[in-house]
N, C-alpha and C. Protein backbone atom coordinates (compact mmCIF):
# COMPACT_ATOMS: atom_id res chain seq x y z
N MET A 1 26.75 0.43 -15.48
CA MET A 1 25.37 0.69 -15.85
C MET A 1 25.27 2.18 -16.23
N THR A 2 24.67 2.43 -17.37
CA THR A 2 24.58 3.81 -17.85
C THR A 2 23.45 4.57 -17.14
N ASN A 3 23.51 5.89 -17.21
CA ASN A 3 22.45 6.72 -16.64
C ASN A 3 21.11 6.44 -17.31
N HIS A 4 21.17 6.15 -18.60
CA HIS A 4 19.95 5.82 -19.35
C HIS A 4 19.30 4.56 -18.76
N THR A 5 20.09 3.54 -18.51
CA THR A 5 19.58 2.29 -17.94
C THR A 5 19.04 2.51 -16.54
N LYS A 6 19.76 3.28 -15.72
CA LYS A 6 19.30 3.59 -14.37
C LYS A 6 17.97 4.33 -14.39
N ALA A 7 17.84 5.27 -15.31
CA ALA A 7 16.59 6.04 -15.43
C ALA A 7 15.43 5.13 -15.81
N ILE A 8 15.65 4.22 -16.74
CA ILE A 8 14.60 3.29 -17.15
C ILE A 8 14.20 2.38 -16.00
N ILE A 9 15.18 1.89 -15.26
CA ILE A 9 14.87 1.01 -14.12
C ILE A 9 14.06 1.76 -13.06
N CYS A 10 14.51 2.95 -12.71
CA CYS A 10 13.79 3.73 -11.69
C CYS A 10 12.37 4.05 -12.14
N ALA A 11 12.21 4.44 -13.40
CA ALA A 11 10.88 4.77 -13.91
C ALA A 11 9.98 3.54 -13.95
N SER A 12 10.55 2.40 -14.21
CA SER A 12 9.76 1.17 -14.33
C SER A 12 9.34 0.58 -13.00
N ILE A 13 10.14 0.80 -11.96
CA ILE A 13 9.84 0.13 -10.69
C ILE A 13 9.22 1.02 -9.63
N PHE A 14 9.08 2.33 -9.89
CA PHE A 14 8.65 3.19 -8.79
C PHE A 14 7.26 2.84 -8.27
N PHE A 15 6.36 2.43 -9.13
CA PHE A 15 5.00 2.09 -8.70
C PHE A 15 4.98 0.78 -7.90
N PRO A 16 5.52 -0.32 -8.43
CA PRO A 16 5.53 -1.55 -7.62
C PRO A 16 6.43 -1.44 -6.39
N ALA A 17 7.51 -0.66 -6.46
CA ALA A 17 8.38 -0.49 -5.30
C ALA A 17 7.65 0.24 -4.18
N ALA A 18 6.77 1.17 -4.54
CA ALA A 18 5.98 1.87 -3.52
C ALA A 18 5.03 0.90 -2.83
N PHE A 19 4.42 0.01 -3.60
CA PHE A 19 3.54 -1.01 -3.00
C PHE A 19 4.34 -1.93 -2.08
N LEU A 20 5.53 -2.32 -2.51
CA LEU A 20 6.37 -3.19 -1.69
C LEU A 20 6.76 -2.50 -0.39
N ALA A 21 7.16 -1.24 -0.48
CA ALA A 21 7.54 -0.50 0.73
C ALA A 21 6.35 -0.37 1.68
N SER A 22 5.19 -0.13 1.12
CA SER A 22 3.97 -0.01 1.92
C SER A 22 3.65 -1.34 2.60
N ALA A 23 3.71 -2.42 1.85
CA ALA A 23 3.41 -3.74 2.41
C ALA A 23 4.43 -4.15 3.47
N ALA A 24 5.71 -3.87 3.22
CA ALA A 24 6.76 -4.22 4.19
C ALA A 24 6.59 -3.39 5.47
N THR A 25 6.21 -2.13 5.32
CA THR A 25 5.97 -1.28 6.48
C THR A 25 4.78 -1.82 7.28
N GLY A 26 3.73 -2.20 6.56
CA GLY A 26 2.56 -2.79 7.23
C GLY A 26 2.92 -4.06 7.97
N LEU A 27 3.72 -4.90 7.35
CA LEU A 27 4.17 -6.14 8.00
C LEU A 27 4.95 -5.83 9.27
N TYR A 28 5.86 -4.89 9.17
CA TYR A 28 6.68 -4.55 10.34
C TYR A 28 5.81 -4.02 11.48
N PHE A 29 4.98 -3.02 11.19
CA PHE A 29 4.18 -2.41 12.25
C PHE A 29 3.12 -3.36 12.80
N LYS A 30 2.53 -4.15 11.93
CA LYS A 30 1.50 -5.08 12.42
C LYS A 30 2.11 -6.23 13.21
N SER A 31 3.34 -6.63 12.87
CA SER A 31 3.96 -7.73 13.61
C SER A 31 4.55 -7.26 14.94
N THR A 32 5.03 -6.02 14.99
CA THR A 32 5.57 -5.50 16.25
C THR A 32 4.51 -4.78 17.07
N ASN A 33 3.51 -4.21 16.40
CA ASN A 33 2.37 -3.52 17.02
C ASN A 33 2.78 -2.57 18.15
N PRO A 34 3.60 -1.56 17.84
CA PRO A 34 4.07 -0.65 18.89
C PRO A 34 2.95 0.18 19.53
N SER A 35 1.85 0.40 18.85
CA SER A 35 0.74 1.18 19.41
C SER A 35 -0.28 0.30 20.12
N ASN A 36 -0.06 -1.00 20.10
CA ASN A 36 -0.95 -1.96 20.76
C ASN A 36 -2.41 -1.78 20.32
N ILE A 37 -2.62 -1.81 19.00
CA ILE A 37 -3.97 -1.67 18.45
C ILE A 37 -4.41 -2.99 17.82
N ASP A 38 -5.67 -3.06 17.43
CA ASP A 38 -6.19 -4.25 16.76
C ASP A 38 -5.66 -4.27 15.33
N VAL A 39 -4.67 -5.09 15.06
CA VAL A 39 -4.03 -5.11 13.74
C VAL A 39 -4.88 -5.81 12.69
N THR A 40 -6.01 -6.39 13.09
CA THR A 40 -6.87 -7.04 12.09
C THR A 40 -7.72 -6.01 11.35
N GLN A 41 -7.78 -4.78 11.85
CA GLN A 41 -8.54 -3.74 11.18
C GLN A 41 -7.78 -3.27 9.94
N GLY A 42 -8.49 -3.06 8.86
CA GLY A 42 -7.87 -2.68 7.60
C GLY A 42 -7.09 -1.38 7.64
N LEU A 43 -7.50 -0.47 8.51
CA LEU A 43 -6.84 0.83 8.57
C LEU A 43 -5.68 0.87 9.57
N ALA A 44 -5.38 -0.26 10.19
CA ALA A 44 -4.30 -0.30 11.18
C ALA A 44 -2.97 0.07 10.52
N TYR A 45 -2.33 1.07 11.04
CA TYR A 45 -1.03 1.57 10.58
C TYR A 45 -1.06 2.04 9.11
N LEU A 46 -2.21 2.43 8.65
CA LEU A 46 -2.34 2.89 7.26
C LEU A 46 -1.48 4.12 7.00
N GLY A 47 -1.46 5.05 7.94
CA GLY A 47 -0.65 6.26 7.76
C GLY A 47 0.81 5.94 7.55
N HIS A 48 1.35 5.03 8.34
CA HIS A 48 2.75 4.63 8.21
C HIS A 48 3.00 4.01 6.83
N MET A 49 2.05 3.19 6.41
CA MET A 49 2.19 2.50 5.13
C MET A 49 2.15 3.50 3.97
N LEU A 50 1.23 4.46 4.04
CA LEU A 50 1.13 5.47 2.98
C LEU A 50 2.38 6.34 2.91
N ILE A 51 2.91 6.71 4.06
CA ILE A 51 4.12 7.53 4.08
C ILE A 51 5.29 6.77 3.45
N ALA A 52 5.45 5.50 3.81
CA ALA A 52 6.55 4.70 3.25
C ALA A 52 6.42 4.58 1.74
N GLY A 53 5.22 4.29 1.26
CA GLY A 53 5.01 4.18 -0.18
C GLY A 53 5.26 5.49 -0.91
N ALA A 54 4.78 6.58 -0.32
CA ALA A 54 4.97 7.90 -0.94
C ALA A 54 6.45 8.28 -0.98
N LEU A 55 7.17 8.01 0.10
CA LEU A 55 8.60 8.35 0.12
C LEU A 55 9.38 7.58 -0.93
N VAL A 56 9.11 6.30 -1.04
CA VAL A 56 9.80 5.49 -2.06
C VAL A 56 9.46 6.01 -3.46
N SER A 57 8.20 6.34 -3.68
CA SER A 57 7.79 6.88 -4.99
C SER A 57 8.53 8.17 -5.31
N VAL A 58 8.55 9.09 -4.36
CA VAL A 58 9.20 10.38 -4.60
C VAL A 58 10.70 10.18 -4.87
N VAL A 59 11.35 9.35 -4.09
CA VAL A 59 12.78 9.11 -4.30
C VAL A 59 13.04 8.54 -5.69
N LEU A 60 12.24 7.57 -6.11
CA LEU A 60 12.46 6.96 -7.43
C LEU A 60 12.06 7.90 -8.57
N ILE A 61 11.06 8.73 -8.38
CA ILE A 61 10.69 9.71 -9.41
C ILE A 61 11.83 10.72 -9.59
N VAL A 62 12.33 11.22 -8.47
CA VAL A 62 13.45 12.18 -8.54
C VAL A 62 14.67 11.52 -9.16
N ALA A 63 14.96 10.28 -8.78
CA ALA A 63 16.10 9.56 -9.35
C ALA A 63 15.93 9.38 -10.86
N THR A 64 14.71 9.07 -11.28
CA THR A 64 14.46 8.92 -12.72
C THR A 64 14.78 10.21 -13.46
N ILE A 65 14.32 11.32 -12.92
CA ILE A 65 14.54 12.61 -13.58
C ILE A 65 16.03 12.96 -13.59
N VAL A 66 16.70 12.74 -12.47
CA VAL A 66 18.14 13.04 -12.39
C VAL A 66 18.92 12.18 -13.38
N PHE A 67 18.65 10.88 -13.39
CA PHE A 67 19.37 9.99 -14.32
C PHE A 67 19.02 10.31 -15.77
N ALA A 68 17.77 10.66 -16.04
CA ALA A 68 17.37 10.99 -17.41
C ALA A 68 18.07 12.26 -17.88
N LEU A 69 18.18 13.24 -17.00
CA LEU A 69 18.88 14.47 -17.38
C LEU A 69 20.37 14.22 -17.57
N ALA A 70 20.94 13.36 -16.75
CA ALA A 70 22.36 13.00 -16.92
C ALA A 70 22.55 12.22 -18.23
N ALA A 71 21.61 11.36 -18.55
CA ALA A 71 21.69 10.59 -19.81
C ALA A 71 21.54 11.52 -21.01
N ARG A 72 20.75 12.55 -20.85
CA ARG A 72 20.53 13.50 -21.94
C ARG A 72 21.83 14.20 -22.32
N LYS A 73 22.70 14.42 -21.34
CA LYS A 73 23.99 15.05 -21.62
C LYS A 73 24.86 14.13 -22.47
N GLU A 74 24.73 12.82 -22.24
CA GLU A 74 25.49 11.85 -23.02
C GLU A 74 24.93 11.70 -24.43
N ASN A 75 23.62 11.67 -24.53
CA ASN A 75 22.93 11.54 -25.82
C ASN A 75 21.58 12.26 -25.69
N PRO A 76 21.36 13.30 -26.46
CA PRO A 76 20.15 14.11 -26.31
C PRO A 76 18.83 13.33 -26.42
N ARG A 77 18.82 12.21 -27.12
CA ARG A 77 17.58 11.44 -27.28
C ARG A 77 17.37 10.38 -26.20
N SER A 78 18.37 10.14 -25.38
CA SER A 78 18.30 9.02 -24.45
C SER A 78 17.40 9.26 -23.25
N SER A 79 16.94 10.47 -23.04
CA SER A 79 16.05 10.72 -21.90
C SER A 79 14.58 10.51 -22.25
N LYS A 80 14.26 10.36 -23.52
CA LYS A 80 12.85 10.24 -23.92
C LYS A 80 12.17 9.00 -23.37
N LEU A 81 12.80 7.85 -23.48
CA LEU A 81 12.16 6.60 -23.03
C LEU A 81 11.91 6.59 -21.53
N PRO A 82 12.92 6.86 -20.69
CA PRO A 82 12.62 6.82 -19.26
C PRO A 82 11.58 7.85 -18.83
N LEU A 83 11.61 9.03 -19.41
CA LEU A 83 10.63 10.04 -19.04
C LEU A 83 9.24 9.68 -19.58
N SER A 84 9.18 8.98 -20.70
CA SER A 84 7.89 8.51 -21.22
C SER A 84 7.31 7.43 -20.31
N ILE A 85 8.16 6.51 -19.86
CA ILE A 85 7.71 5.47 -18.92
C ILE A 85 7.20 6.11 -17.64
N LEU A 86 7.96 7.07 -17.12
CA LEU A 86 7.55 7.78 -15.90
C LEU A 86 6.22 8.49 -16.11
N GLY A 87 6.08 9.17 -17.22
CA GLY A 87 4.83 9.88 -17.52
C GLY A 87 3.64 8.94 -17.64
N ALA A 88 3.85 7.80 -18.29
CA ALA A 88 2.76 6.83 -18.43
C ALA A 88 2.34 6.28 -17.07
N ASN A 89 3.32 5.98 -16.22
CA ASN A 89 3.00 5.49 -14.88
C ASN A 89 2.26 6.54 -14.06
N LEU A 90 2.70 7.79 -14.14
CA LEU A 90 2.02 8.86 -13.40
C LEU A 90 0.60 9.06 -13.91
N LEU A 91 0.41 8.95 -15.22
CA LEU A 91 -0.93 9.07 -15.79
C LEU A 91 -1.84 7.96 -15.28
N ILE A 92 -1.33 6.75 -15.22
CA ILE A 92 -2.12 5.62 -14.70
C ILE A 92 -2.49 5.86 -13.23
N ILE A 93 -1.55 6.39 -12.44
CA ILE A 93 -1.83 6.68 -11.04
C ILE A 93 -2.93 7.72 -10.91
N VAL A 94 -2.86 8.77 -11.71
CA VAL A 94 -3.90 9.81 -11.68
C VAL A 94 -5.25 9.21 -12.08
N MET A 95 -5.26 8.35 -13.08
CA MET A 95 -6.51 7.71 -13.49
C MET A 95 -7.04 6.81 -12.38
N LEU A 96 -6.17 6.08 -11.70
CA LEU A 96 -6.60 5.23 -10.58
C LEU A 96 -7.20 6.07 -9.46
N LEU A 97 -6.58 7.19 -9.15
CA LEU A 97 -7.12 8.09 -8.11
C LEU A 97 -8.49 8.61 -8.50
N PHE A 98 -8.67 8.97 -9.77
CA PHE A 98 -9.96 9.46 -10.25
C PHE A 98 -11.03 8.38 -10.14
N VAL A 99 -10.71 7.18 -10.60
CA VAL A 99 -11.67 6.07 -10.54
C VAL A 99 -12.02 5.75 -9.09
N ASN A 100 -11.02 5.76 -8.22
CA ASN A 100 -11.27 5.49 -6.80
C ASN A 100 -12.18 6.57 -6.20
N ALA A 101 -11.96 7.82 -6.55
CA ALA A 101 -12.81 8.90 -6.04
C ALA A 101 -14.25 8.72 -6.52
N GLN A 102 -14.42 8.32 -7.76
CA GLN A 102 -15.77 8.10 -8.29
C GLN A 102 -16.44 6.92 -7.59
N THR A 103 -15.68 5.87 -7.33
CA THR A 103 -16.22 4.71 -6.61
C THR A 103 -16.64 5.11 -5.21
N ASN A 104 -15.83 5.92 -4.54
CA ASN A 104 -16.20 6.40 -3.20
C ASN A 104 -17.50 7.20 -3.23
N LYS A 105 -17.68 8.03 -4.26
CA LYS A 105 -18.92 8.80 -4.39
C LYS A 105 -20.12 7.88 -4.54
N VAL A 106 -19.99 6.84 -5.36
CA VAL A 106 -21.08 5.88 -5.56
C VAL A 106 -21.40 5.18 -4.23
N GLN A 107 -20.37 4.75 -3.52
CA GLN A 107 -20.59 4.08 -2.24
C GLN A 107 -21.23 5.01 -1.22
N ASN A 108 -20.79 6.26 -1.16
CA ASN A 108 -21.38 7.23 -0.24
C ASN A 108 -22.84 7.51 -0.58
N ARG A 109 -23.13 7.59 -1.87
CA ARG A 109 -24.53 7.81 -2.30
C ARG A 109 -25.40 6.63 -1.87
N TYR A 110 -24.89 5.43 -2.03
CA TYR A 110 -25.63 4.22 -1.62
C TYR A 110 -25.88 4.25 -0.12
N LEU A 111 -24.84 4.54 0.65
CA LEU A 111 -25.01 4.59 2.11
C LEU A 111 -26.04 5.64 2.51
N THR A 112 -25.95 6.83 1.92
CA THR A 112 -26.88 7.91 2.23
C THR A 112 -28.30 7.53 1.84
N ASP A 113 -28.47 6.94 0.68
CA ASP A 113 -29.80 6.53 0.21
C ASP A 113 -30.42 5.46 1.10
N HIS A 114 -29.59 4.68 1.78
CA HIS A 114 -30.09 3.61 2.64
C HIS A 114 -30.02 3.97 4.13
N GLY A 115 -29.88 5.26 4.41
CA GLY A 115 -29.92 5.74 5.79
C GLY A 115 -28.75 5.34 6.65
N ARG A 116 -27.63 5.05 6.02
CA ARG A 116 -26.43 4.66 6.77
C ARG A 116 -25.39 5.76 6.65
N PRO A 117 -24.55 5.92 7.66
CA PRO A 117 -23.55 6.99 7.59
C PRO A 117 -22.42 6.65 6.63
N THR A 118 -21.91 7.69 5.98
CA THR A 118 -20.73 7.50 5.15
C THR A 118 -19.53 7.36 6.09
N LEU A 119 -18.40 7.00 5.54
CA LEU A 119 -17.20 6.83 6.35
C LEU A 119 -16.83 8.16 7.03
N ASP A 120 -16.92 9.26 6.30
CA ASP A 120 -16.62 10.57 6.88
C ASP A 120 -17.58 10.90 8.01
N GLN A 121 -18.86 10.62 7.83
CA GLN A 121 -19.86 10.88 8.87
C GLN A 121 -19.60 9.99 10.09
N PHE A 122 -19.23 8.75 9.84
CA PHE A 122 -18.94 7.83 10.93
C PHE A 122 -17.78 8.34 11.79
N PHE A 123 -16.68 8.76 11.13
CA PHE A 123 -15.53 9.24 11.88
C PHE A 123 -15.82 10.56 12.58
N GLU A 124 -16.61 11.41 11.97
CA GLU A 124 -16.99 12.68 12.60
C GLU A 124 -17.81 12.41 13.85
N ALA A 125 -18.76 11.48 13.78
CA ALA A 125 -19.57 11.13 14.95
C ALA A 125 -18.70 10.51 16.05
N ALA A 126 -17.76 9.68 15.67
CA ALA A 126 -16.86 9.07 16.65
C ALA A 126 -15.99 10.13 17.32
N LYS A 127 -15.54 11.10 16.53
CA LYS A 127 -14.72 12.18 17.06
C LYS A 127 -15.52 13.03 18.06
N GLN A 128 -16.76 13.33 17.71
CA GLN A 128 -17.62 14.12 18.61
C GLN A 128 -17.92 13.33 19.88
N GLN A 129 -18.14 12.05 19.74
CA GLN A 129 -18.45 11.21 20.91
C GLN A 129 -17.23 11.14 21.83
N LYS A 130 -16.04 11.12 21.27
CA LYS A 130 -14.81 11.05 22.05
C LYS A 130 -14.60 12.35 22.84
N GLN A 131 -15.02 13.48 22.25
CA GLN A 131 -14.85 14.77 22.90
C GLN A 131 -15.81 14.96 24.08
N GLN A 132 -16.88 14.21 24.12
CA GLN A 132 -17.88 14.36 25.19
C GLN A 132 -17.49 13.69 26.46
């Protein structure tokens, strides 16, 4: 398998592979439940899941760049496609983060307008109550 092919594969799978790593981590922690928490809550073991997804993403992004640079030594034009795929995926992720942030603002505005606490306010109140 050439470096060019490896770079294309890594660039193409880093986003779904991150989701898979996150889901597999969630399955493991929720099935073993080492912290003995309510695993039916949506945020249960979220930190572990995010870390696993982020690590897989970073490893595959770095691998894409390394393989693309190695492929460039073999053929100067061969790094364009994998780096373009990587760039397109990263752009989509940034757009998803932006849309999600805007959605959160709309939801927070709705909660505030209807006299209900936002998620941040809820956790802050819970934190203060725990300290008392």
